[in-house]
Amino acid sequence: MKSESPTERSLRARAAAFTRWAKIDDRPAATAAARTAARNRFEKQVDPDGVLTEGERTRRAEMARRAFYADMARKSVAARRRRKKAA
């Protein structure tokens, strides 16, 4: 297969995603397993031994999730800054 540029790969992936979602009747059901896995990941991170109450584990998992995405946003800003400086 011919080598694709990152832009071409991104466009191909975007078209594939649009095609998939065009065939799905119930989007929440199609992504339920992924959401459950993500929630479980953060719950396991904050309570690996399962000793917290469900409410406390849920609260801490939500804070861990927010921290994770805030850190991703910070890294995204830094990457954009580096790319802009390099251009």
Protein backbone atom coordinates (compact mmCIF):
# COMPACT_ATOMS: atom_id res chain seq x y z
CA MET A 1 0.00 0.00 0.00
CA LYS A 2 1.21 3.46 -0.85
CA SER A 3 2.42 5.51 2.11
CA GLU A 4 -0.06 8.13 3.25
CA SER A 5 0.69 11.45 4.85
CA PRO A 6 -0.70 12.12 8.33
CA THR A 7 -3.32 14.40 6.76
CA GLU A 8 -4.44 11.69 4.35
CA ARG A 9 -4.66 9.11 7.15
CA SER A 10 -6.70 11.53 9.23
CA LEU A 11 -9.12 12.18 6.37
CA ARG A 12 -9.49 8.46 5.69
CA ALA A 13 -10.16 7.78 9.38
CA ARG A 14 -12.68 10.61 9.58
CA ALA A 15 -14.58 9.24 6.57
CA ALA A 16 -14.60 5.77 8.16
CA ALA A 17 -15.99 7.19 11.41
CA PHE A 18 -18.74 9.05 9.57
CA THR A 19 -19.61 5.85 7.69
CA ARG A 20 -19.81 3.88 10.93
CA TRP A 21 -22.04 6.41 12.66
CA ALA A 22 -24.30 6.60 9.62
CA LYS A 23 -25.11 2.90 10.16
CA ILE A 24 -25.74 3.09 13.93
CA ASP A 25 -29.28 3.57 15.26
CA ASP A 26 -28.42 3.90 18.95
CA ARG A 27 -25.15 5.78 19.47
CA PRO A 28 -25.21 5.66 23.28
CA ALA A 29 -25.62 1.87 23.17
CA ALA A 30 -22.77 1.59 20.66
CA THR A 31 -20.39 3.42 23.00
CA ALA A 32 -21.67 2.05 26.33
CA ALA A 33 -18.88 -0.52 26.70
CA ALA A 34 -16.21 2.13 26.15
CA ARG A 35 -17.77 4.48 28.69
CA THR A 36 -18.00 1.68 31.24
CA ALA A 37 -14.36 0.72 30.67
CA ALA A 38 -13.25 4.34 31.09
CA ARG A 39 -15.25 4.73 34.30
CA ASN A 40 -13.84 1.46 35.65
CA ARG A 41 -10.31 2.57 34.81
CA PHE A 42 -10.60 5.70 36.95
CA GLU A 43 -12.39 3.84 39.75
CA LYS A 44 -9.61 1.23 39.83
CA GLN A 45 -7.03 4.01 39.83
CA VAL A 46 -8.49 5.72 42.91
CA ASP A 47 -9.54 2.56 44.77
CA PRO A 48 -7.38 -0.38 43.67
CA ASP A 49 -8.29 -2.46 46.74
CA GLY A 50 -12.02 -1.70 46.60
CA VAL A 51 -12.23 -0.39 50.15
CA LEU A 52 -14.04 2.91 49.52
CA THR A 53 -17.80 3.31 49.59
CA GLU A 54 -19.43 3.46 46.18
CA GLY A 55 -20.22 7.16 46.54
CA GLU A 56 -16.68 8.08 47.59
CA ARG A 57 -15.15 5.94 44.85
CA THR A 58 -17.41 7.60 42.27
CA ARG A 59 -16.54 11.09 43.54
CA ARG A 60 -12.81 10.39 43.48
CA ALA A 61 -12.99 8.72 40.08
CA GLU A 62 -14.69 11.82 38.68
CA MET A 63 -11.90 14.00 40.09
CA ALA A 64 -9.28 11.65 38.58
CA ARG A 65 -11.09 11.84 35.23
CA ARG A 66 -11.14 15.63 35.35
CA ALA A 67 -7.45 15.73 36.28
CA PHE A 68 -6.62 13.39 33.38
CA TYR A 69 -8.43 15.55 30.82
CA ALA A 70 -7.08 18.80 32.28
CA ASP A 71 -3.56 17.40 31.91
CA MET A 72 -4.31 16.35 28.32
CA ALA A 73 -5.50 19.91 27.59
CA ARG A 74 -2.31 21.32 29.10
CA LYS A 75 -0.18 19.00 26.95
CA SER A 76 -2.20 19.97 23.88
CA VAL A 77 -1.53 23.66 24.51
CA ALA A 78 2.19 22.95 24.88
CA ALA A 79 2.27 20.93 21.66
CA ARG A 80 0.47 23.66 19.72
CA ARG A 81 2.89 26.22 21.13
CA ARG A 82 5.89 24.10 20.04
CA ARG A 83 4.46 23.62 16.53
CA LYS A 84 3.76 27.32 16.18
CA LYS A 85 7.26 28.21 17.34
CA ALA A 86 8.81 25.71 14.91
CA ALA A 87 6.83 27.11 11.95
